[in-house]
Amino acid sequence: MEKYNKSIGNLGEDKACGYLSRRGYEIIERNVNFRGGELDIIAKKNDELVFVEVKTRTGTDFGEAYEAVTQAKINHIIHSANMYIHKKNLYDIPVRFDVMEVYIDTSKRFFNTRINHIKNAF
């Protein structure tokens, strides 16, 4: 089950990157790990650095995807973003935190995908 969840998560991140790219975002990095957290997608648009947390689901039986972004998760993302900014010396660029919900319907032969992009989520 863990391998399946990882595959669905990777597919969701791929879909999110495609969505962002089609809307003029430059994907800078993906899956950047720091102690205490991971940054799913780091993108740039209009001289703004955007840290994107991607939550992928195959349904809403356990709630909406954004609900998995708890305060503890937000704290980890902000901490990791600060470490990234420090490491890359990016102190003079505006920053934004987004959440992308990716819903993948796996019941069809060709997966149907629905994306909800929540800008300035926190």
N, C-alpha and C. Protein backbone atom coordinates (compact mmCIF):
# COMPACT_ATOMS: atom_id res chain seq x y z
N MET A 1 0.82 -1.21 0.00
CA MET A 1 0.00 0.00 0.00
C MET A 1 0.85 1.26 0.00
N GLU A 2 1.98 1.23 0.73
CA GLU A 2 2.84 2.41 0.81
C GLU A 2 3.41 2.76 -0.57
N LYS A 3 3.80 1.72 -1.35
CA LYS A 3 4.33 1.95 -2.69
C LYS A 3 3.26 2.57 -3.59
N TYR A 4 2.01 2.09 -3.46
CA TYR A 4 0.90 2.64 -4.23
C TYR A 4 0.68 4.11 -3.88
N ASN A 5 0.66 4.42 -2.59
CA ASN A 5 0.47 5.81 -2.14
C ASN A 5 1.58 6.71 -2.67
N LYS A 6 2.82 6.21 -2.65
CA LYS A 6 3.96 6.98 -3.16
C LYS A 6 3.79 7.23 -4.66
N SER A 7 3.33 6.22 -5.39
CA SER A 7 3.10 6.37 -6.83
C SER A 7 2.02 7.40 -7.12
N ILE A 8 0.94 7.34 -6.36
CA ILE A 8 -0.15 8.31 -6.53
C ILE A 8 0.36 9.71 -6.18
N GLY A 9 1.13 9.82 -5.11
CA GLY A 9 1.70 11.10 -4.71
C GLY A 9 2.62 11.68 -5.78
N ASN A 10 3.46 10.83 -6.36
CA ASN A 10 4.36 11.29 -7.43
C ASN A 10 3.57 11.72 -8.67
N LEU A 11 2.53 10.97 -9.00
CA LEU A 11 1.68 11.33 -10.13
C LEU A 11 1.01 12.68 -9.87
N GLY A 12 0.54 12.89 -8.65
CA GLY A 12 -0.07 14.17 -8.29
C GLY A 12 0.90 15.32 -8.42
N GLU A 13 2.13 15.13 -7.98
CA GLU A 13 3.14 16.18 -8.11
C GLU A 13 3.46 16.46 -9.58
N ASP A 14 3.52 15.41 -10.39
CA ASP A 14 3.73 15.60 -11.83
C ASP A 14 2.60 16.42 -12.43
N LYS A 15 1.37 16.07 -12.08
CA LYS A 15 0.20 16.81 -12.59
C LYS A 15 0.24 18.27 -12.12
N ALA A 16 0.62 18.49 -10.86
CA ALA A 16 0.69 19.84 -10.32
C ALA A 16 1.75 20.66 -11.06
N CYS A 17 2.90 20.06 -11.34
CA CYS A 17 3.96 20.76 -12.08
C CYS A 17 3.48 21.13 -13.48
N GLY A 18 2.80 20.21 -14.14
CA GLY A 18 2.27 20.50 -15.47
C GLY A 18 1.27 21.64 -15.44
N TYR A 19 0.40 21.61 -14.45
CA TYR A 19 -0.60 22.67 -14.26
C TYR A 19 0.09 24.03 -14.07
N LEU A 20 1.08 24.05 -13.19
CA LEU A 20 1.78 25.31 -12.92
C LEU A 20 2.53 25.80 -14.16
N SER A 21 3.21 24.90 -14.84
CA SER A 21 3.98 25.27 -16.03
C SER A 21 3.08 25.87 -17.10
N ARG A 22 1.91 25.28 -17.30
CA ARG A 22 0.97 25.80 -18.31
C ARG A 22 0.46 27.19 -17.94
N ARG A 23 0.59 27.56 -16.68
CA ARG A 23 0.13 28.87 -16.23
C ARG A 23 1.28 29.86 -16.01
N GLY A 24 2.42 29.55 -16.57
CA GLY A 24 3.53 30.49 -16.58
C GLY A 24 4.48 30.41 -15.41
N TYR A 25 4.36 29.40 -14.57
CA TYR A 25 5.29 29.22 -13.46
C TYR A 25 6.53 28.50 -13.96
N GLU A 26 7.67 28.87 -13.45
CA GLU A 26 8.92 28.16 -13.71
C GLU A 26 9.16 27.23 -12.52
N ILE A 27 9.27 25.95 -12.79
CA ILE A 27 9.54 24.99 -11.72
C ILE A 27 11.03 25.04 -11.43
N ILE A 28 11.38 25.43 -10.21
CA ILE A 28 12.78 25.58 -9.82
C ILE A 28 13.33 24.25 -9.29
N GLU A 29 12.61 23.65 -8.34
CA GLU A 29 13.05 22.39 -7.75
C GLU A 29 11.83 21.61 -7.26
N ARG A 30 12.06 20.31 -7.08
CA ARG A 30 11.02 19.43 -6.53
C ARG A 30 11.62 18.57 -5.43
N ASN A 31 10.79 18.25 -4.46
CA ASN A 31 11.16 17.30 -3.40
C ASN A 31 12.49 17.65 -2.73
N VAL A 32 12.56 18.86 -2.22
CA VAL A 32 13.75 19.33 -1.50
C VAL A 32 13.58 18.97 -0.04
N ASN A 33 14.51 18.18 0.49
CA ASN A 33 14.42 17.69 1.86
C ASN A 33 15.33 18.46 2.80
N PHE A 34 14.78 18.79 3.94
CA PHE A 34 15.53 19.37 5.05
C PHE A 34 15.13 18.61 6.30
N ARG A 35 15.95 18.69 7.32
CA ARG A 35 15.57 18.04 8.58
C ARG A 35 14.24 18.63 9.04
N GLY A 36 13.31 17.76 9.25
CA GLY A 36 12.01 18.21 9.74
C GLY A 36 11.00 18.51 8.67
N GLY A 37 11.36 18.35 7.39
CA GLY A 37 10.35 18.62 6.38
C GLY A 37 10.85 18.50 4.96
N GLU A 38 9.88 18.52 4.05
CA GLU A 38 10.17 18.45 2.63
C GLU A 38 9.36 19.54 1.94
N LEU A 39 9.94 20.12 0.92
CA LEU A 39 9.25 21.07 0.07
C LEU A 39 8.90 20.35 -1.23
N ASP A 40 7.61 20.21 -1.52
CA ASP A 40 7.18 19.44 -2.70
C ASP A 40 7.62 20.11 -4.00
N ILE A 41 7.21 21.36 -4.17
CA ILE A 41 7.53 22.10 -5.39
C ILE A 41 7.96 23.52 -5.01
N ILE A 42 9.04 23.95 -5.62
CA ILE A 42 9.46 25.35 -5.50
C ILE A 42 9.39 25.92 -6.90
N ALA A 43 8.59 26.96 -7.05
CA ALA A 43 8.36 27.55 -8.37
C ALA A 43 8.57 29.06 -8.29
N LYS A 44 8.59 29.68 -9.46
CA LYS A 44 8.76 31.13 -9.52
C LYS A 44 7.82 31.66 -10.58
N LYS A 45 7.18 32.79 -10.26
CA LYS A 45 6.34 33.49 -11.22
C LYS A 45 6.32 34.96 -10.85
N ASN A 46 6.53 35.79 -11.84
CA ASN A 46 6.51 37.25 -11.65
C ASN A 46 7.41 37.67 -10.49
N ASP A 47 8.62 37.17 -10.48
CA ASP A 47 9.61 37.51 -9.44
C ASP A 47 9.13 37.18 -8.03
N GLU A 48 8.27 36.20 -7.90
CA GLU A 48 7.80 35.73 -6.60
C GLU A 48 8.15 34.25 -6.47
N LEU A 49 8.73 33.89 -5.34
CA LEU A 49 9.07 32.49 -5.06
C LEU A 49 7.85 31.83 -4.42
N VAL A 50 7.44 30.69 -4.97
CA VAL A 50 6.23 30.02 -4.51
C VAL A 50 6.58 28.62 -4.02
N PHE A 51 6.30 28.37 -2.75
CA PHE A 51 6.47 27.05 -2.16
C PHE A 51 5.10 26.37 -2.21
N VAL A 52 5.05 25.23 -2.89
CA VAL A 52 3.78 24.56 -3.13
C VAL A 52 3.74 23.21 -2.42
N GLU A 53 2.76 23.04 -1.57
CA GLU A 53 2.51 21.76 -0.92
C GLU A 53 1.43 21.05 -1.73
N VAL A 54 1.72 19.83 -2.18
CA VAL A 54 0.79 19.08 -3.01
C VAL A 54 0.18 17.95 -2.19
N LYS A 55 -1.13 17.88 -2.20
CA LYS A 55 -1.85 16.80 -1.54
C LYS A 55 -2.69 16.08 -2.60
N THR A 56 -2.39 14.81 -2.80
CA THR A 56 -3.06 14.03 -3.83
C THR A 56 -3.97 13.00 -3.17
N ARG A 57 -5.17 12.88 -3.71
CA ARG A 57 -6.14 11.95 -3.19
C ARG A 57 -6.85 11.25 -4.35
N THR A 58 -7.33 10.06 -4.08
CA THR A 58 -8.14 9.34 -5.07
C THR A 58 -9.63 9.45 -4.72
N GLY A 59 -9.94 10.17 -3.66
CA GLY A 59 -11.32 10.37 -3.26
C GLY A 59 -11.37 11.26 -2.03
N THR A 60 -12.56 11.50 -1.56
CA THR A 60 -12.73 12.37 -0.39
C THR A 60 -13.31 11.61 0.80
N ASP A 61 -13.18 10.30 0.80
CA ASP A 61 -13.70 9.50 1.91
C ASP A 61 -13.11 9.92 3.26
N PHE A 62 -11.89 10.39 3.24
CA PHE A 62 -11.22 10.79 4.48
C PHE A 62 -11.07 12.31 4.58
N GLY A 63 -11.91 13.03 3.85
CA GLY A 63 -11.88 14.49 3.88
C GLY A 63 -11.23 15.07 2.64
N GLU A 64 -11.29 16.39 2.57
CA GLU A 64 -10.68 17.10 1.45
C GLU A 64 -9.16 17.08 1.61
N ALA A 65 -8.45 17.15 0.50
CA ALA A 65 -6.99 17.03 0.53
C ALA A 65 -6.34 18.14 1.37
N TYR A 66 -6.83 19.37 1.26
CA TYR A 66 -6.22 20.48 1.98
C TYR A 66 -6.28 20.29 3.49
N GLU A 67 -7.24 19.49 3.96
CA GLU A 67 -7.38 19.27 5.40
C GLU A 67 -6.18 18.52 5.98
N ALA A 68 -5.39 17.89 5.13
CA ALA A 68 -4.19 17.19 5.59
C ALA A 68 -3.03 18.15 5.86
N VAL A 69 -3.21 19.41 5.49
CA VAL A 69 -2.18 20.42 5.76
C VAL A 69 -2.48 21.02 7.13
N THR A 70 -2.00 20.34 8.15
CA THR A 70 -2.24 20.73 9.53
C THR A 70 -1.30 21.86 9.94
N GLN A 71 -1.55 22.42 11.11
CA GLN A 71 -0.66 23.49 11.60
C GLN A 71 0.76 22.97 11.77
N ALA A 72 0.91 21.73 12.23
CA ALA A 72 2.26 21.15 12.36
C ALA A 72 2.94 21.06 11.00
N LYS A 73 2.20 20.65 9.97
CA LYS A 73 2.74 20.56 8.61
C LYS A 73 3.13 21.94 8.11
N ILE A 74 2.28 22.92 8.35
CA ILE A 74 2.57 24.31 7.95
C ILE A 74 3.87 24.78 8.60
N ASN A 75 4.03 24.49 9.89
CA ASN A 75 5.25 24.89 10.59
C ASN A 75 6.49 24.25 9.97
N HIS A 76 6.39 22.98 9.58
CA HIS A 76 7.51 22.29 8.94
C HIS A 76 7.83 22.90 7.58
N ILE A 77 6.79 23.23 6.81
CA ILE A 77 6.99 23.82 5.49
C ILE A 77 7.66 25.19 5.62
N ILE A 78 7.18 26.01 6.54
CA ILE A 78 7.76 27.34 6.74
C ILE A 78 9.21 27.22 7.19
N HIS A 79 9.47 26.30 8.10
CA HIS A 79 10.85 26.08 8.57
C HIS A 79 11.74 25.66 7.40
N SER A 80 11.28 24.72 6.59
CA SER A 80 12.06 24.26 5.44
C SER A 80 12.25 25.37 4.42
N ALA A 81 11.21 26.17 4.20
CA ALA A 81 11.32 27.30 3.27
C ALA A 81 12.37 28.30 3.76
N ASN A 82 12.37 28.57 5.05
CA ASN A 82 13.39 29.48 5.61
C ASN A 82 14.79 28.92 5.41
N MET A 83 14.95 27.62 5.60
CA MET A 83 16.25 27.00 5.38
C MET A 83 16.65 27.10 3.91
N TYR A 84 15.71 26.90 3.01
CA TYR A 84 15.98 27.01 1.56
C TYR A 84 16.39 28.44 1.20
N ILE A 85 15.64 29.40 1.71
CA ILE A 85 15.94 30.81 1.44
C ILE A 85 17.34 31.15 1.94
N HIS A 86 17.67 30.69 3.12
CA HIS A 86 19.00 30.94 3.68
C HIS A 86 20.08 30.27 2.83
N LYS A 87 19.87 29.01 2.49
CA LYS A 87 20.86 28.25 1.71
C LYS A 87 21.11 28.89 0.35
N LYS A 88 20.05 29.41 -0.28
CA LYS A 88 20.16 29.99 -1.63
C LYS A 88 20.35 31.51 -1.62
N ASN A 89 20.41 32.09 -0.41
CA ASN A 89 20.59 33.54 -0.26
C ASN A 89 19.52 34.32 -1.05
N LEU A 90 18.27 33.98 -0.80
CA LEU A 90 17.15 34.59 -1.52
C LEU A 90 16.34 35.52 -0.63
N TYR A 91 17.02 36.35 0.10
CA TYR A 91 16.35 37.21 1.09
C TYR A 91 15.54 38.35 0.48
N ASP A 92 15.83 38.70 -0.75
CA ASP A 92 15.22 39.89 -1.34
C ASP A 92 14.09 39.58 -2.33
N ILE A 93 13.52 38.40 -2.25
CA ILE A 93 12.45 38.02 -3.17
C ILE A 93 11.17 37.72 -2.37
N PRO A 94 10.03 38.22 -2.85
CA PRO A 94 8.77 37.92 -2.17
C PRO A 94 8.48 36.41 -2.21
N VAL A 95 7.83 35.93 -1.17
CA VAL A 95 7.54 34.50 -1.01
C VAL A 95 6.05 34.30 -0.79
N ARG A 96 5.57 33.18 -1.33
CA ARG A 96 4.17 32.82 -1.16
C ARG A 96 4.08 31.32 -0.89
N PHE A 97 3.07 30.91 -0.14
CA PHE A 97 2.85 29.49 0.16
C PHE A 97 1.49 29.07 -0.41
N ASP A 98 1.51 28.10 -1.30
CA ASP A 98 0.29 27.60 -1.93
C ASP A 98 0.08 26.13 -1.55
N VAL A 99 -1.16 25.70 -1.66
CA VAL A 99 -1.50 24.28 -1.54
C VAL A 99 -2.21 23.89 -2.82
N MET A 100 -1.84 22.73 -3.35
CA MET A 100 -2.54 22.21 -4.52
C MET A 100 -3.16 20.88 -4.16
N GLU A 101 -4.47 20.82 -4.33
CA GLU A 101 -5.20 19.56 -4.16
C GLU A 101 -5.28 18.91 -5.53
N VAL A 102 -4.83 17.66 -5.60
CA VAL A 102 -4.91 16.91 -6.85
C VAL A 102 -5.76 15.67 -6.57
N TYR A 103 -6.88 15.59 -7.27
CA TYR A 103 -7.78 14.46 -7.12
C TYR A 103 -7.68 13.61 -8.39
N ILE A 104 -7.32 12.35 -8.21
CA ILE A 104 -7.13 11.45 -9.35
C ILE A 104 -8.17 10.34 -9.26
N ASP A 105 -8.99 10.24 -10.30
CA ASP A 105 -9.99 9.18 -10.37
C ASP A 105 -9.34 7.97 -11.03
N THR A 106 -9.00 6.98 -10.23
CA THR A 106 -8.31 5.79 -10.73
C THR A 106 -9.27 4.71 -11.23
N SER A 107 -10.57 5.00 -11.23
CA SER A 107 -11.54 3.99 -11.65
C SER A 107 -11.65 3.89 -13.17
N LYS A 108 -11.12 4.85 -13.87
CA LYS A 108 -11.18 4.87 -15.32
C LYS A 108 -9.86 4.37 -15.91
N ARG A 109 -9.90 3.93 -17.15
CA ARG A 109 -8.68 3.46 -17.81
C ARG A 109 -7.66 4.58 -17.91
N PHE A 110 -8.14 5.77 -18.30
CA PHE A 110 -7.29 6.95 -18.34
C PHE A 110 -7.68 7.81 -17.16
N PHE A 111 -6.74 8.04 -16.27
CA PHE A 111 -7.02 8.74 -15.03
C PHE A 111 -7.57 10.14 -15.31
N ASN A 112 -8.71 10.44 -14.72
CA ASN A 112 -9.24 11.80 -14.75
C ASN A 112 -8.64 12.54 -13.56
N THR A 113 -8.24 13.77 -13.77
CA THR A 113 -7.60 14.55 -12.72
C THR A 113 -8.32 15.87 -12.55
N ARG A 114 -8.51 16.24 -11.29
CA ARG A 114 -9.07 17.55 -10.94
C ARG A 114 -8.08 18.22 -10.01
N ILE A 115 -7.76 19.47 -10.31
CA ILE A 115 -6.78 20.21 -9.50
C ILE A 115 -7.43 21.47 -8.95
N ASN A 116 -7.18 21.70 -7.66
CA ASN A 116 -7.61 22.94 -7.00
C ASN A 116 -6.36 23.62 -6.47
N HIS A 117 -6.05 24.79 -7.02
CA HIS A 117 -4.85 25.54 -6.64
C HIS A 117 -5.26 26.62 -5.64
N ILE A 118 -4.80 26.48 -4.41
CA ILE A 118 -5.12 27.44 -3.35
C ILE A 118 -3.91 28.34 -3.15
N LYS A 119 -4.01 29.56 -3.67
CA LYS A 119 -2.90 30.51 -3.57
C LYS A 119 -2.93 31.19 -2.20
N ASN A 120 -1.73 31.52 -1.70
CA ASN A 120 -1.61 32.17 -0.38
C ASN A 120 -2.38 31.39 0.68
N ALA A 121 -2.18 30.08 0.70
CA ALA A 121 -2.93 29.21 1.60
C ALA A 121 -2.62 29.47 3.08
N PHE A 122 -1.39 29.89 3.33
CA PHE A 122 -1.01 30.22 4.72
C PHE A 122 0.15 31.17 4.70
